[in-house]
mmCIF file of all heavy atoms, coordinates in Angstrom:
data_MODEL
# 
_entry.id   MODEL 
# 
loop_
_atom_site.group_PDB 
_atom_site.id 
_atom_site.type_symbol 
_atom_site.label_atom_id 
_atom_site.label_alt_id 
_atom_site.label_comp_id 
_atom_site.label_asym_id 
_atom_site.label_entity_id 
_atom_site.label_seq_id 
_atom_site.pdbx_PDB_ins_code 
_atom_site.Cartn_x 
_atom_site.Cartn_y 
_atom_site.Cartn_z 
_atom_site.occupancy 
_atom_site.B_iso_or_equiv 
_atom_site.pdbx_formal_charge 
_atom_site.auth_seq_id 
_atom_site.auth_comp_id 
_atom_site.auth_asym_id 
_atom_site.auth_atom_id 
_atom_site.pdbx_PDB_model_num 
ATOM 1   N N   . ILE A 1 1  ? 0.923   -1.231 0.031   1.00 0.00 ? 1  ILE A N   1 
ATOM 2   C CA  . ILE A 1 1  ? 0.100   0.003  0.025   1.00 0.00 ? 1  ILE A CA  1 
ATOM 3   C C   . ILE A 1 1  ? 0.896   1.305  0.010   1.00 0.00 ? 1  ILE A C   1 
ATOM 4   O O   . ILE A 1 1  ? 0.616   2.169  -0.735  1.00 0.00 ? 1  ILE A O   1 
ATOM 5   C CB  . ILE A 1 1  ? -0.898  0.040  1.234   1.00 0.00 ? 1  ILE A CB  1 
ATOM 6   C CG1 . ILE A 1 1  ? -1.791  -1.246 1.170   1.00 0.00 ? 1  ILE A CG1 1 
ATOM 7   C CG2 . ILE A 1 1  ? -1.785  1.341  1.226   1.00 0.00 ? 1  ILE A CG2 1 
ATOM 8   C CD1 . ILE A 1 1  ? -2.609  -1.396 -0.038  1.00 0.00 ? 1  ILE A CD1 1 
ATOM 9   N N   . GLY A 1 2  ? 1.916   1.276  0.785   1.00 0.00 ? 2  GLY A N   1 
ATOM 10  C CA  . GLY A 1 2  ? 2.829   2.336  0.827   1.00 0.00 ? 2  GLY A CA  1 
ATOM 11  C C   . GLY A 1 2  ? 4.167   1.904  1.449   1.00 0.00 ? 2  GLY A C   1 
ATOM 12  O O   . GLY A 1 2  ? 4.200   0.934  2.107   1.00 0.00 ? 2  GLY A O   1 
ATOM 13  N N   . MET A 1 3  ? 5.180   2.659  0.983   1.00 0.00 ? 3  MET A N   1 
ATOM 14  C CA  . MET A 1 3  ? 6.579   2.437  1.597   1.00 0.00 ? 3  MET A CA  1 
ATOM 15  C C   . MET A 1 3  ? 7.180   3.754  1.947   1.00 0.00 ? 3  MET A C   1 
ATOM 16  O O   . MET A 1 3  ? 7.753   4.451  1.121   1.00 0.00 ? 3  MET A O   1 
ATOM 17  C CB  . MET A 1 3  ? 7.388   1.794  0.529   1.00 0.00 ? 3  MET A CB  1 
ATOM 18  C CG  . MET A 1 3  ? 7.013   0.350  0.114   1.00 0.00 ? 3  MET A CG  1 
ATOM 19  S SD  . MET A 1 3  ? 8.112   -0.399 -0.954  1.00 0.00 ? 3  MET A SD  1 
ATOM 20  C CE  . MET A 1 3  ? 9.553   -0.919 0.039   1.00 0.00 ? 3  MET A CE  1 
ATOM 21  N N   . ASP A 1 4  ? 6.986   4.101  3.183   1.00 0.00 ? 4  ASP A N   1 
ATOM 22  C CA  . ASP A 1 4  ? 7.633   5.334  3.729   1.00 0.00 ? 4  ASP A CA  1 
ATOM 23  C C   . ASP A 1 4  ? 7.441   6.500  3.042   1.00 0.00 ? 4  ASP A C   1 
ATOM 24  O O   . ASP A 1 4  ? 8.411   7.258  2.768   1.00 0.00 ? 4  ASP A O   1 
ATOM 25  C CB  . ASP A 1 4  ? 9.118   4.868  3.978   1.00 0.00 ? 4  ASP A CB  1 
ATOM 26  C CG  . ASP A 1 4  ? 9.694   5.951  4.941   1.00 0.00 ? 4  ASP A CG  1 
ATOM 27  O OD1 . ASP A 1 4  ? 9.098   6.236  5.997   1.00 0.00 ? 4  ASP A OD1 1 
ATOM 28  O OD2 . ASP A 1 4  ? 10.922  6.279  4.755   1.00 0.00 ? 4  ASP A OD2 1 
ATOM 29  N N   . GLY A 1 5  ? 6.259   6.826  2.369   1.00 0.00 ? 5  GLY A N   1 
ATOM 30  C CA  . GLY A 1 5  ? 5.900   7.957  1.680   1.00 0.00 ? 5  GLY A CA  1 
ATOM 31  C C   . GLY A 1 5  ? 6.499   8.013  0.240   1.00 0.00 ? 5  GLY A C   1 
ATOM 32  O O   . GLY A 1 5  ? 6.478   8.991  -0.339  1.00 0.00 ? 5  GLY A O   1 
ATOM 33  N N   . LEU A 1 6  ? 7.015   6.934  -0.125  1.00 0.00 ? 6  LEU A N   1 
ATOM 34  C CA  . LEU A 1 6  ? 7.675   6.872  -1.539  1.00 0.00 ? 6  LEU A CA  1 
ATOM 35  C C   . LEU A 1 6  ? 6.519   7.078  -2.661  1.00 0.00 ? 6  LEU A C   1 
ATOM 36  O O   . LEU A 1 6  ? 5.481   6.426  -2.498  1.00 0.00 ? 6  LEU A O   1 
ATOM 37  C CB  . LEU A 1 6  ? 8.316   5.439  -1.695  1.00 0.00 ? 6  LEU A CB  1 
ATOM 38  C CG  . LEU A 1 6  ? 9.065   5.233  -2.995  1.00 0.00 ? 6  LEU A CG  1 
ATOM 39  C CD1 . LEU A 1 6  ? 10.170  6.204  -3.170  1.00 0.00 ? 6  LEU A CD1 1 
ATOM 40  C CD2 . LEU A 1 6  ? 9.541   3.799  -2.967  1.00 0.00 ? 6  LEU A CD2 1 
ATOM 41  N N   . LEU A 1 7  ? 6.881   7.844  -3.586  1.00 0.00 ? 7  LEU A N   1 
ATOM 42  C CA  . LEU A 1 7  ? 6.015   8.042  -4.738  1.00 0.00 ? 7  LEU A CA  1 
ATOM 43  C C   . LEU A 1 7  ? 6.681   7.387  -5.862  1.00 0.00 ? 7  LEU A C   1 
ATOM 44  O O   . LEU A 1 7  ? 7.818   7.537  -6.307  1.00 0.00 ? 7  LEU A O   1 
ATOM 45  C CB  . LEU A 1 7  ? 5.865   9.509  -5.166  1.00 0.00 ? 7  LEU A CB  1 
ATOM 46  C CG  . LEU A 1 7  ? 5.118   10.324 -3.998  1.00 0.00 ? 7  LEU A CG  1 
ATOM 47  C CD1 . LEU A 1 7  ? 5.201   11.759 -4.427  1.00 0.00 ? 7  LEU A CD1 1 
ATOM 48  C CD2 . LEU A 1 7  ? 3.781   9.758  -3.813  1.00 0.00 ? 7  LEU A CD2 1 
ATOM 49  N N   . ARG A 1 8  ? 6.009   6.443  -6.623  1.00 0.00 ? 8  ARG A N   1 
ATOM 50  C CA  . ARG A 1 8  ? 6.523   5.613  -7.650  1.00 0.00 ? 8  ARG A CA  1 
ATOM 51  C C   . ARG A 1 8  ? 5.467   5.458  -8.694  1.00 0.00 ? 8  ARG A C   1 
ATOM 52  O O   . ARG A 1 8  ? 4.384   4.878  -8.393  1.00 0.00 ? 8  ARG A O   1 
ATOM 53  C CB  . ARG A 1 8  ? 7.070   4.282  -7.094  1.00 0.00 ? 8  ARG A CB  1 
ATOM 54  C CG  . ARG A 1 8  ? 7.705   3.343  -8.141  1.00 0.00 ? 8  ARG A CG  1 
ATOM 55  C CD  . ARG A 1 8  ? 8.092   2.071  -7.507  1.00 0.00 ? 8  ARG A CD  1 
ATOM 56  N NE  . ARG A 1 8  ? 8.156   1.067  -8.376  1.00 0.00 ? 8  ARG A NE  1 
ATOM 57  C CZ  . ARG A 1 8  ? 9.369   0.441  -8.760  1.00 0.00 ? 8  ARG A CZ  1 
ATOM 58  N NH1 . ARG A 1 8  ? 10.421  0.756  -8.032  1.00 0.00 ? 8  ARG A NH1 1 
ATOM 59  N NH2 . ARG A 1 8  ? 9.312   -0.553 -9.589  1.00 0.00 ? 8  ARG A NH2 1 
ATOM 60  N N   . ASP A 1 9  ? 5.691   5.955  -9.993  1.00 0.00 ? 9  ASP A N   1 
ATOM 61  C CA  . ASP A 1 9  ? 4.634   5.831  -10.960 1.00 0.00 ? 9  ASP A CA  1 
ATOM 62  C C   . ASP A 1 9  ? 4.906   4.683  -11.941 1.00 0.00 ? 9  ASP A C   1 
ATOM 63  O O   . ASP A 1 9  ? 3.949   4.305  -12.715 1.00 0.00 ? 9  ASP A O   1 
ATOM 64  C CB  . ASP A 1 9  ? 4.605   7.156  -11.751 1.00 0.00 ? 9  ASP A CB  1 
ATOM 65  C CG  . ASP A 1 9  ? 4.102   8.304  -10.936 1.00 0.00 ? 9  ASP A CG  1 
ATOM 66  O OD1 . ASP A 1 9  ? 3.136   8.082  -10.187 1.00 0.00 ? 9  ASP A OD1 1 
ATOM 67  O OD2 . ASP A 1 9  ? 4.603   9.358  -11.085 1.00 0.00 ? 9  ASP A OD2 1 
ATOM 68  N N   . THR A 1 10 ? 6.118   4.071  -11.924 1.00 0.00 ? 10 THR A N   1 
ATOM 69  C CA  . THR A 1 10 ? 6.302   2.926  -12.724 1.00 0.00 ? 10 THR A CA  1 
ATOM 70  C C   . THR A 1 10 ? 5.595   1.704  -12.219 1.00 0.00 ? 10 THR A C   1 
ATOM 71  O O   . THR A 1 10 ? 5.422   1.642  -10.990 1.00 0.00 ? 10 THR A O   1 
ATOM 72  C CB  . THR A 1 10 ? 7.896   2.609  -12.827 1.00 0.00 ? 10 THR A CB  1 
ATOM 73  O OG1 . THR A 1 10 ? 8.324   2.466  -11.466 1.00 0.00 ? 10 THR A OG1 1 
ATOM 74  C CG2 . THR A 1 10 ? 8.557   3.756  -13.437 1.00 0.00 ? 10 THR A CG2 1 
ATOM 75  N N   . PRO A 1 11 ? 5.168   0.784  -13.180 1.00 0.00 ? 11 PRO A N   1 
ATOM 76  C CA  . PRO A 1 11 ? 4.524   -0.336 -12.649 1.00 0.00 ? 11 PRO A CA  1 
ATOM 77  C C   . PRO A 1 11 ? 5.394   -1.345 -11.751 1.00 0.00 ? 11 PRO A C   1 
ATOM 78  O O   . PRO A 1 11 ? 6.551   -1.273 -11.885 1.00 0.00 ? 11 PRO A O   1 
ATOM 79  C CB  . PRO A 1 11 ? 3.980   -0.988 -13.918 1.00 0.00 ? 11 PRO A CB  1 
ATOM 80  C CG  . PRO A 1 11 ? 4.592   -0.405 -15.043 1.00 0.00 ? 11 PRO A CG  1 
ATOM 81  C CD  . PRO A 1 11 ? 5.268   0.850  -14.553 1.00 0.00 ? 11 PRO A CD  1 
ATOM 82  N N   . ASP A 1 12 ? 4.598   -2.179 -11.071 1.00 0.00 ? 12 ASP A N   1 
ATOM 83  C CA  . ASP A 1 12 ? 5.270   -3.226 -10.341 1.00 0.00 ? 12 ASP A CA  1 
ATOM 84  C C   . ASP A 1 12 ? 6.322   -2.743 -9.337  1.00 0.00 ? 12 ASP A C   1 
ATOM 85  O O   . ASP A 1 12 ? 7.450   -3.239 -9.424  1.00 0.00 ? 12 ASP A O   1 
ATOM 86  C CB  . ASP A 1 12 ? 5.862   -4.297 -11.356 1.00 0.00 ? 12 ASP A CB  1 
ATOM 87  C CG  . ASP A 1 12 ? 4.785   -4.831 -12.225 1.00 0.00 ? 12 ASP A CG  1 
ATOM 88  O OD1 . ASP A 1 12 ? 3.612   -5.020 -11.751 1.00 0.00 ? 12 ASP A OD1 1 
ATOM 89  O OD2 . ASP A 1 12 ? 5.066   -5.221 -13.355 1.00 0.00 ? 12 ASP A OD2 1 
ATOM 90  N N   . PRO A 1 13 ? 5.866   -2.115 -8.217  1.00 0.00 ? 13 PRO A N   1 
ATOM 91  C CA  . PRO A 1 13 ? 4.605   -1.670 -7.943  1.00 0.00 ? 13 PRO A CA  1 
ATOM 92  C C   . PRO A 1 13 ? 4.449   -0.114 -8.087  1.00 0.00 ? 13 PRO A C   1 
ATOM 93  O O   . PRO A 1 13 ? 5.460   0.544  -7.971  1.00 0.00 ? 13 PRO A O   1 
ATOM 94  C CB  . PRO A 1 13 ? 4.387   -1.957 -6.501  1.00 0.00 ? 13 PRO A CB  1 
ATOM 95  C CG  . PRO A 1 13 ? 5.794   -1.891 -5.972  1.00 0.00 ? 13 PRO A CG  1 
ATOM 96  C CD  . PRO A 1 13 ? 6.737   -2.295 -7.029  1.00 0.00 ? 13 PRO A CD  1 
ATOM 97  N N   . ILE A 1 14 ? 3.228   0.305  -8.350  1.00 0.00 ? 14 ILE A N   1 
ATOM 98  C CA  . ILE A 1 14 ? 2.933   1.759  -8.329  1.00 0.00 ? 14 ILE A CA  1 
ATOM 99  C C   . ILE A 1 14 ? 2.716   2.085  -6.816  1.00 0.00 ? 14 ILE A C   1 
ATOM 100 O O   . ILE A 1 14 ? 2.014   1.426  -6.058  1.00 0.00 ? 14 ILE A O   1 
ATOM 101 C CB  . ILE A 1 14 ? 1.705   2.060  -9.157  1.00 0.00 ? 14 ILE A CB  1 
ATOM 102 C CG1 . ILE A 1 14 ? 1.998   1.862  -10.623 1.00 0.00 ? 14 ILE A CG1 1 
ATOM 103 C CG2 . ILE A 1 14 ? 1.277   3.692  -8.921  1.00 0.00 ? 14 ILE A CG2 1 
ATOM 104 C CD1 . ILE A 1 14 ? 0.755   1.944  -11.458 1.00 0.00 ? 14 ILE A CD1 1 
ATOM 105 N N   . LEU A 1 15 ? 3.312   3.208  -6.381  1.00 0.00 ? 15 LEU A N   1 
ATOM 106 C CA  . LEU A 1 15 ? 3.221   3.505  -4.926  1.00 0.00 ? 15 LEU A CA  1 
ATOM 107 C C   . LEU A 1 15 ? 2.921   5.063  -4.820  1.00 0.00 ? 15 LEU A C   1 
ATOM 108 O O   . LEU A 1 15 ? 3.526   5.801  -5.476  1.00 0.00 ? 15 LEU A O   1 
ATOM 109 C CB  . LEU A 1 15 ? 4.639   3.228  -4.190  1.00 0.00 ? 15 LEU A CB  1 
ATOM 110 C CG  . LEU A 1 15 ? 4.894   1.794  -4.041  1.00 0.00 ? 15 LEU A CG  1 
ATOM 111 C CD1 . LEU A 1 15 ? 6.327   1.650  -3.490  1.00 0.00 ? 15 LEU A CD1 1 
ATOM 112 C CD2 . LEU A 1 15 ? 3.880   1.002  -3.279  1.00 0.00 ? 15 LEU A CD2 1 
ATOM 113 N N   . PRO A 1 16 ? 1.986   5.395  -3.802  1.00 0.00 ? 16 PRO A N   1 
ATOM 114 C CA  . PRO A 1 16 ? 1.179   4.290  -3.076  1.00 0.00 ? 16 PRO A CA  1 
ATOM 115 C C   . PRO A 1 16 ? 0.269   3.468  -3.994  1.00 0.00 ? 16 PRO A C   1 
ATOM 116 O O   . PRO A 1 16 ? 0.101   3.936  -5.186  1.00 0.00 ? 16 PRO A O   1 
ATOM 117 C CB  . PRO A 1 16 ? 0.419   5.229  -2.007  1.00 0.00 ? 16 PRO A CB  1 
ATOM 118 C CG  . PRO A 1 16 ? 0.341   6.487  -2.686  1.00 0.00 ? 16 PRO A CG  1 
ATOM 119 C CD  . PRO A 1 16 ? 1.555   6.633  -3.529  1.00 0.00 ? 16 PRO A CD  1 
ATOM 120 N N   . HIS A 1 17 ? -0.308  2.561  -3.408  1.00 0.00 ? 17 HIS A N   1 
ATOM 121 C CA  . HIS A 1 17 ? -1.220  1.680  -4.184  1.00 0.00 ? 17 HIS A CA  1 
ATOM 122 C C   . HIS A 1 17 ? -2.182  2.555  -4.852  1.00 0.00 ? 17 HIS A C   1 
ATOM 123 O O   . HIS A 1 17 ? -2.779  3.418  -4.171  1.00 0.00 ? 17 HIS A O   1 
ATOM 124 C CB  . HIS A 1 17 ? -1.940  0.608  -3.258  1.00 0.00 ? 17 HIS A CB  1 
ATOM 125 C CG  . HIS A 1 17 ? -2.640  -0.297 -3.994  1.00 0.00 ? 17 HIS A CG  1 
ATOM 126 N ND1 . HIS A 1 17 ? -3.839  -0.141 -4.600  1.00 0.00 ? 17 HIS A ND1 1 
ATOM 127 C CD2 . HIS A 1 17 ? -2.452  -1.693 -4.341  1.00 0.00 ? 17 HIS A CD2 1 
ATOM 128 C CE1 . HIS A 1 17 ? -4.380  -1.224 -5.268  1.00 0.00 ? 17 HIS A CE1 1 
ATOM 129 N NE2 . HIS A 1 17 ? -3.478  -2.173 -5.014  1.00 0.00 ? 17 HIS A NE2 1 
ATOM 130 N N   . PRO A 1 18 ? -2.570  2.554  -6.112  1.00 0.00 ? 18 PRO A N   1 
ATOM 131 C CA  . PRO A 1 18 ? -3.303  3.465  -6.803  1.00 0.00 ? 18 PRO A CA  1 
ATOM 132 C C   . PRO A 1 18 ? -4.786  3.457  -6.420  1.00 0.00 ? 18 PRO A C   1 
ATOM 133 O O   . PRO A 1 18 ? -5.531  4.422  -6.794  1.00 0.00 ? 18 PRO A O   1 
ATOM 134 C CB  . PRO A 1 18 ? -3.150  3.095  -8.206  1.00 0.00 ? 18 PRO A CB  1 
ATOM 135 C CG  . PRO A 1 18 ? -2.659  1.587  -8.399  1.00 0.00 ? 18 PRO A CG  1 
ATOM 136 C CD  . PRO A 1 18 ? -1.925  1.430  -7.098  1.00 0.00 ? 18 PRO A CD  1 
ATOM 137 N N   . ARG A 1 19 ? -5.279  2.461  -5.706  1.00 0.00 ? 19 ARG A N   1 
ATOM 138 C CA  . ARG A 1 19 ? -6.684  2.447  -5.449  1.00 0.00 ? 19 ARG A CA  1 
ATOM 139 C C   . ARG A 1 19 ? -6.974  2.230  -3.968  1.00 0.00 ? 19 ARG A C   1 
ATOM 140 O O   . ARG A 1 19 ? -8.200  2.200  -3.501  1.00 0.00 ? 19 ARG A O   1 
ATOM 141 C CB  . ARG A 1 19 ? -7.430  1.228  -6.240  1.00 0.00 ? 19 ARG A CB  1 
ATOM 142 C CG  . ARG A 1 19 ? -7.524  1.547  -7.637  1.00 0.00 ? 19 ARG A CG  1 
ATOM 143 C CD  . ARG A 1 19 ? -8.028  0.345  -8.481  1.00 0.00 ? 19 ARG A CD  1 
ATOM 144 N NE  . ARG A 1 19 ? -7.196  -0.840 -8.329  1.00 0.00 ? 19 ARG A NE  1 
ATOM 145 C CZ  . ARG A 1 19 ? -6.083  -1.119 -8.843  1.00 0.00 ? 19 ARG A CZ  1 
ATOM 146 N NH1 . ARG A 1 19 ? -5.436  -0.150 -9.568  1.00 0.00 ? 19 ARG A NH1 1 
ATOM 147 N NH2 . ARG A 1 19 ? -5.429  -2.205 -8.611  1.00 0.00 ? 19 ARG A NH2 1 
ATOM 148 N N   . ALA A 1 20 ? -5.884  2.139  -3.127  1.00 0.00 ? 20 ALA A N   1 
ATOM 149 C CA  . ALA A 1 20 ? -6.092  1.816  -1.613  1.00 0.00 ? 20 ALA A CA  1 
ATOM 150 C C   . ALA A 1 20 ? -6.976  2.954  -1.012  1.00 0.00 ? 20 ALA A C   1 
ATOM 151 O O   . ALA A 1 20 ? -7.739  2.638  -0.022  1.00 0.00 ? 20 ALA A O   1 
ATOM 152 C CB  . ALA A 1 20 ? -4.767  1.650  -1.004  1.00 0.00 ? 20 ALA A CB  1 
ATOM 153 N N   . HIS A 1 21 ? -6.829  4.138  -1.413  1.00 0.00 ? 21 HIS A N   1 
ATOM 154 C CA  . HIS A 1 21 ? -7.515  5.305  -0.781  1.00 0.00 ? 21 HIS A CA  1 
ATOM 155 C C   . HIS A 1 21 ? -9.081  5.190  -1.080  1.00 0.00 ? 21 HIS A C   1 
ATOM 156 O O   . HIS A 1 21 ? -9.827  5.937  -0.467  1.00 0.00 ? 21 HIS A O   1 
ATOM 157 C CB  . HIS A 1 21 ? -6.919  6.628  -1.261  1.00 0.00 ? 21 HIS A CB  1 
ATOM 158 C CG  . HIS A 1 21 ? -7.158  6.871  -2.724  1.00 0.00 ? 21 HIS A CG  1 
ATOM 159 N ND1 . HIS A 1 21 ? -6.352  6.324  -3.636  1.00 0.00 ? 21 HIS A ND1 1 
ATOM 160 C CD2 . HIS A 1 21 ? -8.082  7.689  -3.298  1.00 0.00 ? 21 HIS A CD2 1 
ATOM 161 C CE1 . HIS A 1 21 ? -6.809  6.795  -4.749  1.00 0.00 ? 21 HIS A CE1 1 
ATOM 162 N NE2 . HIS A 1 21 ? -7.775  7.563  -4.683  1.00 0.00 ? 21 HIS A NE2 1 
ATOM 163 N N   . GLN A 1 22 ? -9.479  4.286  -1.974  1.00 0.00 ? 22 GLN A N   1 
ATOM 164 C CA  . GLN A 1 22 ? -10.901 4.167  -2.277  1.00 0.00 ? 22 GLN A CA  1 
ATOM 165 C C   . GLN A 1 22 ? -11.506 2.941  -1.650  1.00 0.00 ? 22 GLN A C   1 
ATOM 166 O O   . GLN A 1 22 ? -12.699 2.709  -1.961  1.00 0.00 ? 22 GLN A O   1 
ATOM 167 C CB  . GLN A 1 22 ? -11.086 4.148  -3.787  1.00 0.00 ? 22 GLN A CB  1 
ATOM 168 C CG  . GLN A 1 22 ? -10.465 5.301  -4.508  1.00 0.00 ? 22 GLN A CG  1 
ATOM 169 C CD  . GLN A 1 22 ? -10.335 4.963  -6.016  1.00 0.00 ? 22 GLN A CD  1 
ATOM 170 O OE1 . GLN A 1 22 ? -10.272 3.914  -6.488  1.00 0.00 ? 22 GLN A OE1 1 
ATOM 171 N NE2 . GLN A 1 22 ? -10.389 6.067  -6.738  1.00 0.00 ? 22 GLN A NE2 1 
ATOM 172 N N   . ARG A 1 23 ? -10.783 2.195  -0.924  1.00 0.00 ? 23 ARG A N   1 
ATOM 173 C CA  . ARG A 1 23 ? -11.215 0.856  -0.527  1.00 0.00 ? 23 ARG A CA  1 
ATOM 174 C C   . ARG A 1 23 ? -11.297 0.675  1.036   1.00 0.00 ? 23 ARG A C   1 
ATOM 175 O O   . ARG A 1 23 ? -10.233 0.720  1.672   1.00 0.00 ? 23 ARG A O   1 
ATOM 176 C CB  . ARG A 1 23 ? -10.148 -0.201 -1.113  1.00 0.00 ? 23 ARG A CB  1 
ATOM 177 C CG  . ARG A 1 23 ? -10.261 -0.276 -2.571  1.00 0.00 ? 23 ARG A CG  1 
ATOM 178 C CD  . ARG A 1 23 ? -9.286  -1.269 -3.127  1.00 0.00 ? 23 ARG A CD  1 
ATOM 179 N NE  . ARG A 1 23 ? -9.663  -1.459 -4.606  1.00 0.00 ? 23 ARG A NE  1 
ATOM 180 C CZ  . ARG A 1 23 ? -8.938  -2.257 -5.383  1.00 0.00 ? 23 ARG A CZ  1 
ATOM 181 N NH1 . ARG A 1 23 ? -7.869  -2.706 -4.912  1.00 0.00 ? 23 ARG A NH1 1 
ATOM 182 N NH2 . ARG A 1 23 ? -9.281  -2.354 -6.576  1.00 0.00 ? 23 ARG A NH2 1 
ATOM 183 N N   . ALA A 1 24 ? -12.484 0.550  1.499   1.00 0.00 ? 24 ALA A N   1 
ATOM 184 C CA  . ALA A 1 24 ? -12.766 0.391  2.977   1.00 0.00 ? 24 ALA A CA  1 
ATOM 185 C C   . ALA A 1 24 ? -11.951 -0.853 3.403   1.00 0.00 ? 24 ALA A C   1 
ATOM 186 O O   . ALA A 1 24 ? -11.446 -0.878 4.564   1.00 0.00 ? 24 ALA A O   1 
ATOM 187 C CB  . ALA A 1 24 ? -14.204 0.331  3.297   1.00 0.00 ? 24 ALA A CB  1 
ATOM 188 N N   . PHE A 1 25 ? -11.902 -1.866 2.649   1.00 0.00 ? 25 PHE A N   1 
ATOM 189 C CA  . PHE A 1 25 ? -11.235 -3.076 3.064   1.00 0.00 ? 25 PHE A CA  1 
ATOM 190 C C   . PHE A 1 25 ? -9.758  -2.983 3.343   1.00 0.00 ? 25 PHE A C   1 
ATOM 191 O O   . PHE A 1 25 ? -9.175  -3.730 3.988   1.00 0.00 ? 25 PHE A O   1 
ATOM 192 C CB  . PHE A 1 25 ? -11.564 -4.239 2.096   1.00 0.00 ? 25 PHE A CB  1 
ATOM 193 C CG  . PHE A 1 25 ? -10.959 -4.198 0.775   1.00 0.00 ? 25 PHE A CG  1 
ATOM 194 C CD1 . PHE A 1 25 ? -9.701  -4.568 0.425   1.00 0.00 ? 25 PHE A CD1 1 
ATOM 195 C CD2 . PHE A 1 25 ? -11.761 -3.818 -0.278  1.00 0.00 ? 25 PHE A CD2 1 
ATOM 196 C CE1 . PHE A 1 25 ? -9.184  -4.473 -0.784  1.00 0.00 ? 25 PHE A CE1 1 
ATOM 197 C CE2 . PHE A 1 25 ? -11.233 -3.697 -1.570  1.00 0.00 ? 25 PHE A CE2 1 
ATOM 198 C CZ  . PHE A 1 25 ? -9.944  -4.142 -1.797  1.00 0.00 ? 25 PHE A CZ  1 
# 
């Protein structure tokens, strides 16, 4: 979901997770 505030736009993985902020689960 996140790695110490890292921003990463390249795939595998994109950080923070691109949909985590929309998911109650």
